């Protein structure tokens, strides 16, 4: 065999040896990776849930329920909620109970042997360092101190506190930018205004029925018939009526007749002897907190507050509702609490 042929044969064998070595290295690396993955899965499984305890309740083997639970646990391996990443780092924090790393936005620890609730994360926009109800971001934007309780201060002097301006979305530094003035209107008391007139009784005569009407303020008596007018009230009707009253050992017929009157389109019922309680118009006493002005209003009255006009649309018990005459929006008024900071 010639020298060149020997050299070529050696080179061919050398290339095959290198190829075999490379393949062996790749195979060894693959086996190592598989073993490592198996170990990691086993270690993770041990930290993810407690192995189900299978206790036999029968002589011939295990409880079918416990076996099903164990199979379910095997078929449903633990996974962190909300994670769909591969080879990507994730921001985590320590669980407040078990100390293991959990996703920063987790509401409950995802590990089955813990499952402890986690503290809620406060966003930067909602952070309130001084706990005055005003977010730090809003206070900084309007040149307030986020570490000082200034919610009840009035920076622009428009009568509305900084917190009220925040809730209404107005500018606390601009007096022209203020919440609707109706928000400062409160109900002190609501009820009926006693009528100045009272019904004293009816007397029949040959000329018809005559009614005794008294003015409680001037203490003047009037004898009128249907259709007559007394102090602006027109007498419109009469309804004779009685009721039985138990006086212990006997009953009597008590006169509770009604004399009907009207004024300014409103109807009133005057019960003889004022036995029907308050009979006047419904009214409400209001107070405007900005300048402490008090006012007595009735239904359909118009209230002027700054450049806004409001109409009283309803008085029901202690509940009063007004409407913005420009926008038509209705506002139920809050009740005034004496001594409180409203």
C-alpha atoms as a PDB file:
ATOM      1  CA  UNK A   1       0.000   0.000   0.000  1.00  0.00           C
ATOM      2  CA  UNK A   2       1.305   3.355  -0.948  1.00  0.00           C
ATOM      3  CA  UNK A   3       1.990   6.086   1.548  1.00  0.00           C
ATOM      4  CA  UNK A   4      -0.719   8.437   0.172  1.00  0.00           C
ATOM      5  CA  UNK A   5      -3.362   5.757   0.413  1.00  0.00           C
ATOM      6  CA  UNK A   6      -2.467   5.099   4.040  1.00  0.00           C
ATOM      7  CA  UNK A   7      -2.713   8.815   4.864  1.00  0.00           C
ATOM      8  CA  UNK A   8      -6.152   9.096   3.216  1.00  0.00           C
ATOM      9  CA  UNK A   9      -7.405   6.044   5.096  1.00  0.00           C
ATOM     10  CA  UNK A  10      -6.251   7.531   8.436  1.00  0.00           C
ATOM     11  CA  UNK A  11      -7.953  10.847   7.652  1.00  0.00           C
ATOM     12  CA  UNK A  12     -11.239   9.123   6.819  1.00  0.00           C
ATOM     13  CA  UNK A  13     -11.121   7.175  10.099  1.00  0.00           C
ATOM     14  CA  UNK A  14     -10.298  10.318  12.050  1.00  0.00           C
ATOM     15  CA  UNK A  15     -13.359  12.152  10.651  1.00  0.00           C
ATOM     16  CA  UNK A  16     -15.583   9.251  11.669  1.00  0.00           C
ATOM     17  CA  UNK A  17     -14.136   9.261  15.179  1.00  0.00           C
ATOM     18  CA  UNK A  18     -14.815  13.016  15.546  1.00  0.00           C
ATOM     19  CA  UNK A  19     -18.381  12.552  14.344  1.00  0.00           C
ATOM     20  CA  UNK A  20     -18.948   9.716  16.830  1.00  0.00           C
ATOM     21  CA  UNK A  21     -17.537  11.812  19.687  1.00  0.00           C
ATOM     22  CA  UNK A  22     -19.788  14.771  18.805  1.00  0.00           C
ATOM     23  CA  UNK A  23     -22.857  12.553  18.684  1.00  0.00           C
ATOM     24  CA  UNK A  24     -21.917  11.009  22.030  1.00  0.00           C
ATOM     25  CA  UNK A  25     -21.600  14.467  23.613  1.00  0.00           C
ATOM     26  CA  UNK A  26     -25.002  15.538  22.246  1.00  0.00           C
ATOM     27  CA  UNK A  27     -26.615  12.333  23.515  1.00  0.00           C
ATOM     28  CA  UNK A  28     -25.070  12.774  26.957  1.00  0.00           C
ATOM     29  CA  UNK A  29     -26.294  16.384  27.119  1.00  0.00           C
ATOM     30  CA  UNK A  30     -29.796  15.298  26.136  1.00  0.00           C
ATOM     31  CA  UNK A  31     -29.876  12.626  28.819  1.00  0.00           C
ATOM     32  CA  UNK A  32     -28.632  15.104  31.411  1.00  0.00           C
ATOM     33  CA  UNK A  33     -31.366  17.577  30.420  1.00  0.00           C
ATOM     34  CA  UNK A  34     -34.076  14.928  30.687  1.00  0.00           C
ATOM     35  CA  UNK A  35     -32.869  13.902  34.144  1.00  0.00           C
ATOM     36  CA  UNK A  36     -32.761  17.548  35.285  1.00  0.00           C
ATOM     37  CA  UNK A  37     -36.287  18.178  34.043  1.00  0.00           C
ATOM     38  CA  UNK A  38     -37.517  15.122  35.901  1.00  0.00           C
ATOM     39  CA  UNK A  39     -35.892  16.310  39.123  1.00  0.00           C
ATOM     40  CA  UNK A  40     -37.344  19.821  38.764  1.00  0.00           C
ATOM     41  CA  UNK A  41     -40.823  18.441  38.172  1.00  0.00           C
ATOM     42  CA  UNK A  42     -40.531  16.236  41.221  1.00  0.00           C
ATOM     43  CA  UNK A  43     -39.264  19.098  43.400  1.00  0.00           C
ATOM     44  CA  UNK A  44     -42.041  21.413  42.185  1.00  0.00           C
ATOM     45  CA  UNK A  45     -44.690  18.752  42.738  1.00  0.00           C
ATOM     46  CA  UNK A  46     -43.554  18.317  46.333  1.00  0.00           C
ATOM     47  CA  UNK A  47     -44.046  22.070  46.973  1.00  0.00           C
ATOM     48  CA  UNK A  48     -47.305  22.419  45.073  1.00  0.00           C
ATOM     49  CA  UNK A  49     -49.737  20.284  47.030  1.00  0.00           C
ATOM     50  CA  UNK A  50     -49.896  17.876  49.891  1.00  0.00           C
ATOM     51  CA  UNK A  51     -50.049  14.248  48.679  1.00  0.00           C
ATOM     52  CA  UNK A  52     -53.592  12.989  49.184  1.00  0.00           C
ATOM     53  CA  UNK A  53     -53.895  10.673  52.108  1.00  0.00           C
ATOM     54  CA  UNK A  54     -55.516   7.441  50.969  1.00  0.00           C
ATOM     55  CA  UNK A  55     -56.940   5.543  53.868  1.00  0.00           C
ATOM     56  CA  UNK A  56     -58.702   2.285  53.437  1.00  0.00           C
ATOM     57  CA  UNK A  57     -62.262   2.175  54.635  1.00  0.00           C
ATOM     58  CA  UNK A  58     -62.780  -1.301  53.264  1.00  0.00           C
ATOM     59  CA  UNK A  59     -61.093  -4.562  53.975  1.00  0.00           C
ATOM     60  CA  UNK A  60     -60.312  -5.314  50.358  1.00  0.00           C
ATOM     61  CA  UNK A  61     -58.616  -2.047  49.484  1.00  0.00           C
ATOM     62  CA  UNK A  62     -58.948   1.709  49.387  1.00  0.00           C
ATOM     63  CA  UNK A  63     -61.978   3.998  49.364  1.00  0.00           C
ATOM     64  CA  UNK A  64     -63.131   4.717  45.820  1.00  0.00           C
ATOM     65  CA  UNK A  65     -63.630   8.406  46.664  1.00  0.00           C
ATOM     66  CA  UNK A  66     -60.109   8.787  47.977  1.00  0.00           C
ATOM     67  CA  UNK A  67     -58.718   7.015  44.921  1.00  0.00           C
ATOM     68  CA  UNK A  68     -60.657   9.383  42.618  1.00  0.00           C
ATOM     69  CA  UNK A  69     -59.309  12.383  44.550  1.00  0.00           C
ATOM     70  CA  UNK A  70     -55.776  11.084  44.178  1.00  0.00           C
ATOM     71  CA  UNK A  71     -56.227  10.514  40.434  1.00  0.00           C
ATOM     72  CA  UNK A  72     -57.668  14.004  40.040  1.00  0.00           C
ATOM     73  CA  UNK A  73     -54.694  15.501  41.869  1.00  0.00           C
ATOM     74  CA  UNK A  74     -52.294  13.681  39.544  1.00  0.00           C
ATOM     75  CA  UNK A  75     -54.207  14.651  36.400  1.00  0.00           C
ATOM     76  CA  UNK A  76     -54.507  18.300  37.453  1.00  0.00           C
ATOM     77  CA  UNK A  77     -50.977  19.426  38.263  1.00  0.00           C
ATOM     78  CA  UNK A  78     -50.551  22.801  39.893  1.00  0.00           C
ATOM     79  CA  UNK A  79     -50.068  25.829  37.659  1.00  0.00           C
ATOM     80  CA  UNK A  80     -49.630  29.474  38.551  1.00  0.00           C
ATOM     81  CA  UNK A  81     -52.692  31.469  37.534  1.00  0.00           C
ATOM     82  CA  UNK A  82     -52.377  33.992  34.749  1.00  0.00           C
ATOM     83  CA  UNK A  83     -48.971  32.770  33.531  1.00  0.00           C
ATOM     84  CA  UNK A  84     -48.471  32.007  29.845  1.00  0.00           C
ATOM     85  CA  UNK A  85     -44.759  32.591  29.500  1.00  0.00           C
ATOM     86  CA  UNK A  86     -41.748  30.499  28.595  1.00  0.00           C
ATOM     87  CA  UNK A  87     -38.250  31.412  29.667  1.00  0.00           C
ATOM     88  CA  UNK A  88     -39.428  34.941  30.659  1.00  0.00           C
ATOM     89  CA  UNK A  89     -38.759  36.415  34.089  1.00  0.00           C
ATOM     90  CA  UNK A  90     -41.834  37.432  36.107  1.00  0.00           C
ATOM     91  CA  UNK A  91     -42.140  39.926  38.939  1.00  0.00           C
ATOM     92  CA  UNK A  92     -42.976  38.063  42.136  1.00  0.00           C
ATOM     93  CA  UNK A  93     -43.239  38.747  45.851  1.00  0.00           C
ATOM     94  CA  UNK A  94     -43.081  36.525  48.900  1.00  0.00           C
ATOM     95  CA  UNK A  95     -46.343  35.041  50.173  1.00  0.00           C
ATOM     96  CA  UNK A  96     -47.344  36.700  53.451  1.00  0.00           C
ATOM     97  CA  UNK A  97     -47.764  33.273  55.072  1.00  0.00           C
ATOM     98  CA  UNK A  98     -45.572  30.607  53.487  1.00  0.00           C
ATOM     99  CA  UNK A  99     -42.909  32.965  52.107  1.00  0.00           C
ATOM    100  CA  UNK A 100     -42.728  31.293  48.696  1.00  0.00           C
ATOM    101  CA  UNK A 101     -42.605  33.434  45.540  1.00  0.00           C
ATOM    102  CA  UNK A 102     -46.040  34.265  44.130  1.00  0.00           C
ATOM    103  CA  UNK A 103     -47.098  36.558  41.236  1.00  0.00           C
ATOM    104  CA  UNK A 104     -47.256  40.170  42.364  1.00  0.00           C
ATOM    105  CA  UNK A 105     -50.902  40.462  41.332  1.00  0.00           C
ATOM    106  CA  UNK A 106     -52.027  37.210  42.992  1.00  0.00           C
ATOM    107  CA  UNK A 107     -55.045  37.625  45.281  1.00  0.00           C
ATOM    108  CA  UNK A 108     -54.529  34.172  46.856  1.00  0.00           C
ATOM    109  CA  UNK A 109     -51.308  32.198  47.281  1.00  0.00           C
ATOM    110  CA  UNK A 110     -51.365  29.673  44.397  1.00  0.00           C
ATOM    111  CA  UNK A 111     -49.670  26.903  46.391  1.00  0.00           C
ATOM    112  CA  UNK A 112     -52.213  24.312  47.469  1.00  0.00           C
ATOM    113  CA  UNK A 113     -50.805  23.861  50.935  1.00  0.00           C
ATOM    114  CA  UNK A 114     -51.103  27.584  51.640  1.00  0.00           C
ATOM    115  CA  UNK A 115     -53.888  29.384  49.693  1.00  0.00           C
ATOM    116  CA  UNK A 116     -53.573  32.443  51.950  1.00  0.00           C
ATOM    117  CA  UNK A 117     -55.133  35.775  50.839  1.00  0.00           C
ATOM    118  CA  UNK A 118     -52.542  38.307  49.719  1.00  0.00           C
ATOM    119  CA  UNK A 119     -52.643  42.082  50.373  1.00  0.00           C
ATOM    120  CA  UNK A 120     -54.260  44.150  47.645  1.00  0.00           C
ATOM    121  CA  UNK A 121     -51.900  46.200  45.534  1.00  0.00           C
ATOM    122  CA  UNK A 122     -52.630  49.923  45.610  1.00  0.00           C
ATOM    123  CA  UNK A 123     -52.027  51.525  42.251  1.00  0.00           C
ATOM    124  CA  UNK A 124     -49.980  54.679  42.031  1.00  0.00           C
ATOM    125  CA  UNK A 125     -53.054  56.623  40.888  1.00  0.00           C
ATOM    126  CA  UNK A 126     -55.043  55.543  43.990  1.00  0.00           C
ATOM    127  CA  UNK A 127     -52.277  56.037  46.557  1.00  0.00           C
ATOM    128  CA  UNK A 128     -53.338  58.301  49.463  1.00  0.00           C
ATOM    129  CA  UNK A 129     -50.391  58.926  51.778  1.00  0.00           C
ATOM    130  CA  UNK A 130     -52.255  61.097  54.323  1.00  0.00           C
ATOM    131  CA  UNK A 131     -55.524  59.081  54.226  1.00  0.00           C
ATOM    132  CA  UNK A 132     -57.626  62.207  53.684  1.00  0.00           C
ATOM    133  CA  UNK A 133     -59.609  60.764  50.774  1.00  0.00           C
ATOM    134  CA  UNK A 134     -57.623  62.690  48.167  1.00  0.00           C
ATOM    135  CA  UNK A 135     -55.246  60.664  45.964  1.00  0.00           C
ATOM    136  CA  UNK A 136     -51.611  61.794  46.003  1.00  0.00           C
ATOM    137  CA  UNK A 137     -51.631  62.231  42.228  1.00  0.00           C
ATOM    138  CA  UNK A 138     -54.622  64.637  42.445  1.00  0.00           C
ATOM    139  CA  UNK A 139     -53.097  66.613  45.323  1.00  0.00           C
ATOM    140  CA  UNK A 140     -49.750  67.009  43.547  1.00  0.00           C
ATOM    141  CA  UNK A 141     -51.498  68.064  40.319  1.00  0.00           C
ATOM    142  CA  UNK A 142     -53.349  70.841  42.208  1.00  0.00           C
ATOM    143  CA  UNK A 143     -50.349  71.931  44.315  1.00  0.00           C
ATOM    144  CA  UNK A 144     -51.452  70.356  47.617  1.00  0.00           C
ATOM    145  CA  UNK A 145     -49.291  68.495  50.130  1.00  0.00           C
ATOM    146  CA  UNK A 146     -49.993  64.742  49.795  1.00  0.00           C
ATOM    147  CA  UNK A 147     -48.705  64.218  53.353  1.00  0.00           C
ATOM    148  CA  UNK A 148     -51.089  66.772  54.925  1.00  0.00           C
ATOM    149  CA  UNK A 149     -54.813  66.234  55.607  1.00  0.00           C
ATOM    150  CA  UNK A 150     -56.317  69.119  53.626  1.00  0.00           C
ATOM    151  CA  UNK A 151     -59.542  67.480  52.458  1.00  0.00           C
ATOM    152  CA  UNK A 152     -61.769  69.877  54.423  1.00  0.00           C
ATOM    153  CA  UNK A 153     -59.933  73.037  53.446  1.00  0.00           C
ATOM    154  CA  UNK A 154     -61.348  75.408  50.811  1.00  0.00           C
ATOM    155  CA  UNK A 155     -58.391  76.490  48.679  1.00  0.00           C
ATOM    156  CA  UNK A 156     -60.333  78.770  46.316  1.00  0.00           C
ATOM    157  CA  UNK A 157     -62.887  80.128  48.812  1.00  0.00           C
ATOM    158  CA  UNK A 158     -65.965  79.113  46.801  1.00  0.00           C
ATOM    159  CA  UNK A 159     -67.660  77.428  49.760  1.00  0.00           C
ATOM    160  CA  UNK A 160     -66.791  73.891  48.688  1.00  0.00           C
ATOM    161  CA  UNK A 161     -64.116  71.841  50.460  1.00  0.00           C
ATOM    162  CA  UNK A 162     -61.248  70.329  48.487  1.00  0.00           C
ATOM    163  CA  UNK A 163     -62.752  66.846  48.881  1.00  0.00           C
ATOM    164  CA  UNK A 164     -66.094  68.045  47.487  1.00  0.00           C
ATOM    165  CA  UNK A 165     -64.264  69.539  44.512  1.00  0.00           C
ATOM    166  CA  UNK A 166     -62.446  66.224  43.970  1.00  0.00           C
ATOM    167  CA  UNK A 167     -65.706  64.254  44.096  1.00  0.00           C
ATOM    168  CA  UNK A 168     -67.377  66.665  41.648  1.00  0.00           C
ATOM    169  CA  UNK A 169     -64.380  66.761  39.296  1.00  0.00           C
ATOM    170  CA  UNK A 170     -63.957  70.550  39.546  1.00  0.00           C
ATOM    171  CA  UNK A 171     -60.831  72.659  39.992  1.00  0.00           C
ATOM    172  CA  UNK A 172     -60.143  73.339  43.693  1.00  0.00           C
ATOM    173  CA  UNK A 173     -57.933  76.308  42.767  1.00  0.00           C
ATOM    174  CA  UNK A 174     -60.528  78.107  40.613  1.00  0.00           C
ATOM    175  CA  UNK A 175     -63.609  79.731  42.260  1.00  0.00           C
ATOM    176  CA  UNK A 176     -65.366  79.763  38.885  1.00  0.00           C
ATOM    177  CA  UNK A 177     -65.059  75.960  38.708  1.00  0.00           C
ATOM    178  CA  UNK A 178     -67.320  74.701  41.489  1.00  0.00           C
ATOM    179  CA  UNK A 179     -69.844  71.907  42.063  1.00  0.00           C
ATOM    180  CA  UNK A 180     -73.568  72.699  41.607  1.00  0.00           C
ATOM    181  CA  UNK A 181     -74.700  75.011  44.459  1.00  0.00           C
ATOM    182  CA  UNK A 182     -77.696  72.764  45.169  1.00  0.00           C
ATOM    183  CA  UNK A 183     -75.244  70.345  46.830  1.00  0.00           C
ATOM    184  CA  UNK A 184     -75.024  72.855  49.690  1.00  0.00           C
ATOM    185  CA  UNK A 185     -78.805  73.021  50.194  1.00  0.00           C
ATOM    186  CA  UNK A 186     -80.117  71.094  53.213  1.00  0.00           C
ATOM    187  CA  UNK A 187     -83.546  70.289  54.690  1.00  0.00           C
ATOM    188  CA  UNK A 188     -83.923  71.579  58.251  1.00  0.00           C
ATOM    189  CA  UNK A 189     -87.547  70.528  58.679  1.00  0.00           C
ATOM    190  CA  UNK A 190     -90.534  69.674  56.520  1.00  0.00           C
ATOM    191  CA  UNK A 191     -94.249  69.498  57.287  1.00  0.00           C
ATOM    192  CA  UNK A 192     -97.463  71.441  56.860  1.00  0.00           C
ATOM    193  CA  UNK A 193     -98.019  75.139  57.496  1.00  0.00           C
ATOM    194  CA  UNK A 194    -101.096  75.517  59.697  1.00  0.00           C
ATOM    195  CA  UNK A 195    -103.906  77.392  57.954  1.00  0.00           C
ATOM    196  CA  UNK A 196    -104.868  80.740  59.351  1.00  0.00           C
ATOM    197  CA  UNK A 197    -108.518  79.713  58.970  1.00  0.00           C
ATOM    198  CA  UNK A 198    -110.471  77.149  60.965  1.00  0.00           C
ATOM    199  CA  UNK A 199    -113.974  75.742  60.579  1.00  0.00           C
ATOM    200  CA  UNK A 200    -116.229  76.400  63.579  1.00  0.00           C
ATOM    201  CA  UNK A 201    -119.391  74.662  62.401  1.00  0.00           C
ATOM    202  CA  UNK A 202    -122.434  74.874  60.142  1.00  0.00           C
ATOM    203  CA  UNK A 203    -125.908  76.229  60.809  1.00  0.00           C
ATOM    204  CA  UNK A 204    -128.927  75.572  58.651  1.00  0.00           C
ATOM    205  CA  UNK A 205    -131.447  78.331  58.005  1.00  0.00           C
ATOM    206  CA  UNK A 206    -134.270  79.107  55.644  1.00  0.00           C
ATOM    207  CA  UNK A 207    -131.796  80.912  53.390  1.00  0.00           C
ATOM    208  CA  UNK A 208    -129.432  77.945  53.298  1.00  0.00           C
ATOM    209  CA  UNK A 209    -126.450  76.688  55.269  1.00  0.00           C
ATOM    210  CA  UNK A 210    -124.185  79.244  56.911  1.00  0.00           C
ATOM    211  CA  UNK A 211    -120.614  78.314  57.915  1.00  0.00           C
ATOM    212  CA  UNK A 212    -118.608  79.774  60.776  1.00  0.00           C
ATOM    213  CA  UNK A 213    -114.997  80.416  59.680  1.00  0.00           C
ATOM    214  CA  UNK A 214    -112.446  81.838  62.124  1.00  0.00           C
ATOM    215  CA  UNK A 215    -109.131  83.560  61.445  1.00  0.00           C
ATOM    216  CA  UNK A 216    -106.822  82.207  64.145  1.00  0.00           C
ATOM    217  CA  UNK A 217    -104.316  85.006  63.712  1.00  0.00           C
ATOM    218  CA  UNK A 218    -106.696  87.989  63.862  1.00  0.00           C
ATOM    219  CA  UNK A 219    -109.286  86.126  65.978  1.00  0.00           C
ATOM    220  CA  UNK A 220    -112.030  87.387  63.698  1.00  0.00           C
ATOM    221  CA  UNK A 221    -115.166  85.361  62.872  1.00  0.00           C
ATOM    222  CA  UNK A 222    -116.818  85.143  59.459  1.00  0.00           C
ATOM    223  CA  UNK A 223    -120.238  83.788  58.541  1.00  0.00           C
ATOM    224  CA  UNK A 224    -120.087  82.692  54.946  1.00  0.00           C
ATOM    225  CA  UNK A 225    -121.911  80.620  52.351  1.00  0.00           C
ATOM    226  CA  UNK A 226    -120.636  78.462  49.496  1.00  0.00           C
ATOM    227  CA  UNK A 227    -118.854  80.602  46.922  1.00  0.00           C
ATOM    228  CA  UNK A 228    -117.776  83.313  49.393  1.00  0.00           C
ATOM    229  CA  UNK A 229    -114.103  84.260  49.854  1.00  0.00           C
ATOM    230  CA  UNK A 230    -112.393  84.715  53.220  1.00  0.00           C
ATOM    231  CA  UNK A 231    -108.827  86.111  53.417  1.00  0.00           C
ATOM    232  CA  UNK A 232    -108.075  84.859  49.906  1.00  0.00           C
ATOM    233  CA  UNK A 233    -109.646  81.381  50.457  1.00  0.00           C
ATOM    234  CA  UNK A 234    -112.754  80.566  48.426  1.00  0.00           C
ATOM    235  CA  UNK A 235    -115.344  78.307  50.051  1.00  0.00           C
ATOM    236  CA  UNK A 236    -116.000  75.585  47.456  1.00  0.00           C
ATOM    237  CA  UNK A 237    -117.846  72.754  49.200  1.00  0.00           C
ATOM    238  CA  UNK A 238    -119.253  71.183  52.331  1.00  0.00           C
ATOM    239  CA  UNK A 239    -119.357  67.532  53.455  1.00  0.00           C
ATOM    240  CA  UNK A 240    -121.436  66.727  56.560  1.00  0.00           C
ATOM    241  CA  UNK A 241    -119.774  63.890  58.446  1.00  0.00           C
ATOM    242  CA  UNK A 242    -119.828  62.245  61.881  1.00  0.00           C
ATOM    243  CA  UNK A 243    -117.949  59.487  63.653  1.00  0.00           C
ATOM    244  CA  UNK A 244    -118.605  57.380  66.725  1.00  0.00           C
ATOM    245  CA  UNK A 245    -116.389  58.065  69.724  1.00  0.00           C
ATOM    246  CA  UNK A 246    -116.152  55.701  72.685  1.00  0.00           C
ATOM    247  CA  UNK A 247    -116.436  57.596  75.974  1.00  0.00           C
ATOM    248  CA  UNK A 248    -115.996  54.583  78.210  1.00  0.00           C
ATOM    249  CA  UNK A 249    -119.511  53.480  79.135  1.00  0.00           C
ATOM    250  CA  UNK A 250    -121.230  55.032  76.122  1.00  0.00           C
ATOM    251  CA  UNK A 251    -120.664  56.225  72.578  1.00  0.00           C
ATOM    252  CA  UNK A 252    -121.378  59.607  71.083  1.00  0.00           C
ATOM    253  CA  UNK A 253    -121.644  60.954  67.553  1.00  0.00           C
ATOM    254  CA  UNK A 254    -118.895  63.509  67.003  1.00  0.00           C
ATOM    255  CA  UNK A 255    -119.134  66.108  64.245  1.00  0.00           C
ATOM    256  CA  UNK A 256    -116.165  65.890  61.881  1.00  0.00           C
ATOM    257  CA  UNK A 257    -117.727  67.711  58.928  1.00  0.00           C
ATOM    258  CA  UNK A 258    -115.404  69.093  56.281  1.00  0.00           C
ATOM    259  CA  UNK A 259    -115.501  72.548  54.732  1.00  0.00           C
ATOM    260  CA  UNK A 260    -113.612  72.700  51.444  1.00  0.00           C
ATOM    261  CA  UNK A 261    -111.667  75.758  50.341  1.00  0.00           C
ATOM    262  CA  UNK A 262    -109.188  76.689  47.604  1.00  0.00           C
ATOM    263  CA  UNK A 263    -106.450  79.256  47.119  1.00  0.00           C
ATOM    264  CA  UNK A 264    -104.027  79.767  44.213  1.00  0.00           C
ATOM    265  CA  UNK A 265    -105.240  76.551  42.598  1.00  0.00           C
ATOM    266  CA  UNK A 266    -104.664  74.464  45.716  1.00  0.00           C
ATOM    267  CA  UNK A 267    -107.473  72.677  47.583  1.00  0.00           C
ATOM    268  CA  UNK A 268    -107.755  72.569  51.377  1.00  0.00           C
ATOM    269  CA  UNK A 269    -110.001  70.676  53.768  1.00  0.00           C
ATOM    270  CA  UNK A 270    -111.063  72.408  56.988  1.00  0.00           C
ATOM    271  CA  UNK A 271    -112.342  69.903  59.545  1.00  0.00           C
ATOM    272  CA  UNK A 272    -114.705  71.302  62.115  1.00  0.00           C
ATOM    273  CA  UNK A 273    -112.953  72.035  65.386  1.00  0.00           C
ATOM    274  CA  UNK A 274    -109.509  71.303  63.829  1.00  0.00           C
ATOM    275  CA  UNK A 275    -109.970  67.602  64.706  1.00  0.00           C
ATOM    276  CA  UNK A 276    -108.042  66.487  61.642  1.00  0.00           C
ATOM    277  CA  UNK A 277    -104.592  67.702  62.734  1.00  0.00           C
ATOM    278  CA  UNK A 278    -102.395  69.907  60.511  1.00  0.00           C
ATOM    279  CA  UNK A 279    -104.437  70.938  57.486  1.00  0.00           C
ATOM    280  CA  UNK A 280    -102.238  73.498  55.751  1.00  0.00           C
ATOM    281  CA  UNK A 281     -99.902  73.394  52.795  1.00  0.00           C
ATOM    282  CA  UNK A 282     -96.814  71.207  52.753  1.00  0.00           C
ATOM    283  CA  UNK A 283     -93.674  73.261  53.210  1.00  0.00           C
ATOM    284  CA  UNK A 284     -90.013  72.836  54.082  1.00  0.00           C
ATOM    285  CA  UNK A 285     -87.444  74.898  55.928  1.00  0.00           C
ATOM    286  CA  UNK A 286     -84.139  74.873  54.032  1.00  0.00           C
ATOM    287  CA  UNK A 287     -80.677  76.234  54.757  1.00  0.00           C
ATOM    288  CA  UNK A 288     -77.982  77.162  52.247  1.00  0.00           C
ATOM    289  CA  UNK A 289     -74.707  76.174  53.898  1.00  0.00           C
ATOM    290  CA  UNK A 290     -72.448  78.544  51.982  1.00  0.00           C
ATOM    291  CA  UNK A 291     -73.918  81.711  53.527  1.00  0.00           C
ATOM    292  CA  UNK A 292     -76.260  80.095  56.134  1.00  0.00           C
ATOM    293  CA  UNK A 293     -79.376  81.649  54.561  1.00  0.00           C
ATOM    294  CA  UNK A 294     -82.616  79.993  55.684  1.00  0.00           C
ATOM    295  CA  UNK A 295     -85.728  79.848  53.523  1.00  0.00           C
ATOM    296  CA  UNK A 296     -89.278  78.500  53.755  1.00  0.00           C
ATOM    297  CA  UNK A 297     -90.447  76.918  50.514  1.00  0.00           C
ATOM    298  CA  UNK A 298     -93.559  75.183  49.218  1.00  0.00           C
ATOM    299  CA  UNK A 299     -94.104  72.939  46.241  1.00  0.00           C
ATOM    300  CA  UNK A 300     -93.530  74.676  42.883  1.00  0.00           C
ATOM    301  CA  UNK A 301     -91.554  77.508  44.507  1.00  0.00           C
ATOM    302  CA  UNK A 302     -88.415  78.734  42.706  1.00  0.00           C
ATOM    303  CA  UNK A 303     -85.085  78.912  44.548  1.00  0.00           C
ATOM    304  CA  UNK A 304     -82.205  81.076  43.255  1.00  0.00           C
ATOM    305  CA  UNK A 305     -78.679  79.982  44.214  1.00  0.00           C
ATOM    306  CA  UNK A 306     -75.904  82.036  42.651  1.00  0.00           C
ATOM    307  CA  UNK A 307     -76.631  81.884  38.905  1.00  0.00           C
ATOM    308  CA  UNK A 308     -78.772  78.750  39.127  1.00  0.00           C
ATOM    309  CA  UNK A 309     -82.530  78.410  39.589  1.00  0.00           C
ATOM    310  CA  UNK A 310     -84.178  75.344  41.111  1.00  0.00           C
ATOM    311  CA  UNK A 311     -87.847  74.402  41.386  1.00  0.00           C
ATOM    312  CA  UNK A 312     -89.302  72.526  44.362  1.00  0.00           C
ATOM    313  CA  UNK A 313     -90.944  69.528  42.682  1.00  0.00           C
ATOM    314  CA  UNK A 314     -91.883  67.406  45.702  1.00  0.00           C
ATOM    315  CA  UNK A 315     -92.206  67.548  49.487  1.00  0.00           C
ATOM    316  CA  UNK A 316     -92.950  64.125  50.955  1.00  0.00           C
ATOM    317  CA  UNK A 317     -92.559  63.883  54.701  1.00  0.00           C
ATOM    318  CA  UNK A 318     -89.009  65.027  55.419  1.00  0.00           C
ATOM    319  CA  UNK A 319     -87.913  64.366  51.827  1.00  0.00           C
ATOM    320  CA  UNK A 320     -87.582  67.346  49.510  1.00  0.00           C
ATOM    321  CA  UNK A 321     -86.688  67.157  45.813  1.00  0.00           C
ATOM    322  CA  UNK A 322     -85.745  70.085  43.575  1.00  0.00           C
ATOM    323  CA  UNK A 323     -84.958  70.211  39.880  1.00  0.00           C
ATOM    324  CA  UNK A 324     -82.507  72.346  37.909  1.00  0.00           C
ATOM    325  CA  UNK A 325     -84.680  74.592  35.751  1.00  0.00           C
ATOM    326  CA  UNK A 326     -82.030  74.687  33.034  1.00  0.00           C
ATOM    327  CA  UNK A 327     -81.014  71.033  32.769  1.00  0.00           C
ATOM    328  CA  UNK A 328     -84.086  69.411  34.326  1.00  0.00           C
ATOM    329  CA  UNK A 329     -81.901  67.233  36.557  1.00  0.00           C
ATOM    330  CA  UNK A 330     -83.560  66.389  39.877  1.00  0.00           C
ATOM    331  CA  UNK A 331     -81.723  66.582  43.194  1.00  0.00           C
ATOM    332  CA  UNK A 332     -83.012  64.966  46.431  1.00  0.00           C
ATOM    333  CA  UNK A 333     -81.838  67.235  49.253  1.00  0.00           C
ATOM    334  CA  UNK A 334     -79.886  65.921  52.223  1.00  0.00           C
ATOM    335  CA  UNK A 335     -81.001  66.503  55.809  1.00  0.00           C
ATOM    336  CA  UNK A 336     -79.240  69.195  57.806  1.00  0.00           C
ATOM    337  CA  UNK A 337     -77.390  67.889  60.849  1.00  0.00           C
ATOM    338  CA  UNK A 338     -76.743  70.569  63.419  1.00  0.00           C
ATOM    339  CA  UNK A 339     -73.135  70.758  64.590  1.00  0.00           C
ATOM    340  CA  UNK A 340     -71.785  68.580  61.796  1.00  0.00           C
ATOM    341  CA  UNK A 341     -69.232  69.745  59.231  1.00  0.00           C
ATOM    342  CA  UNK A 342     -71.199  69.536  55.997  1.00  0.00           C
END
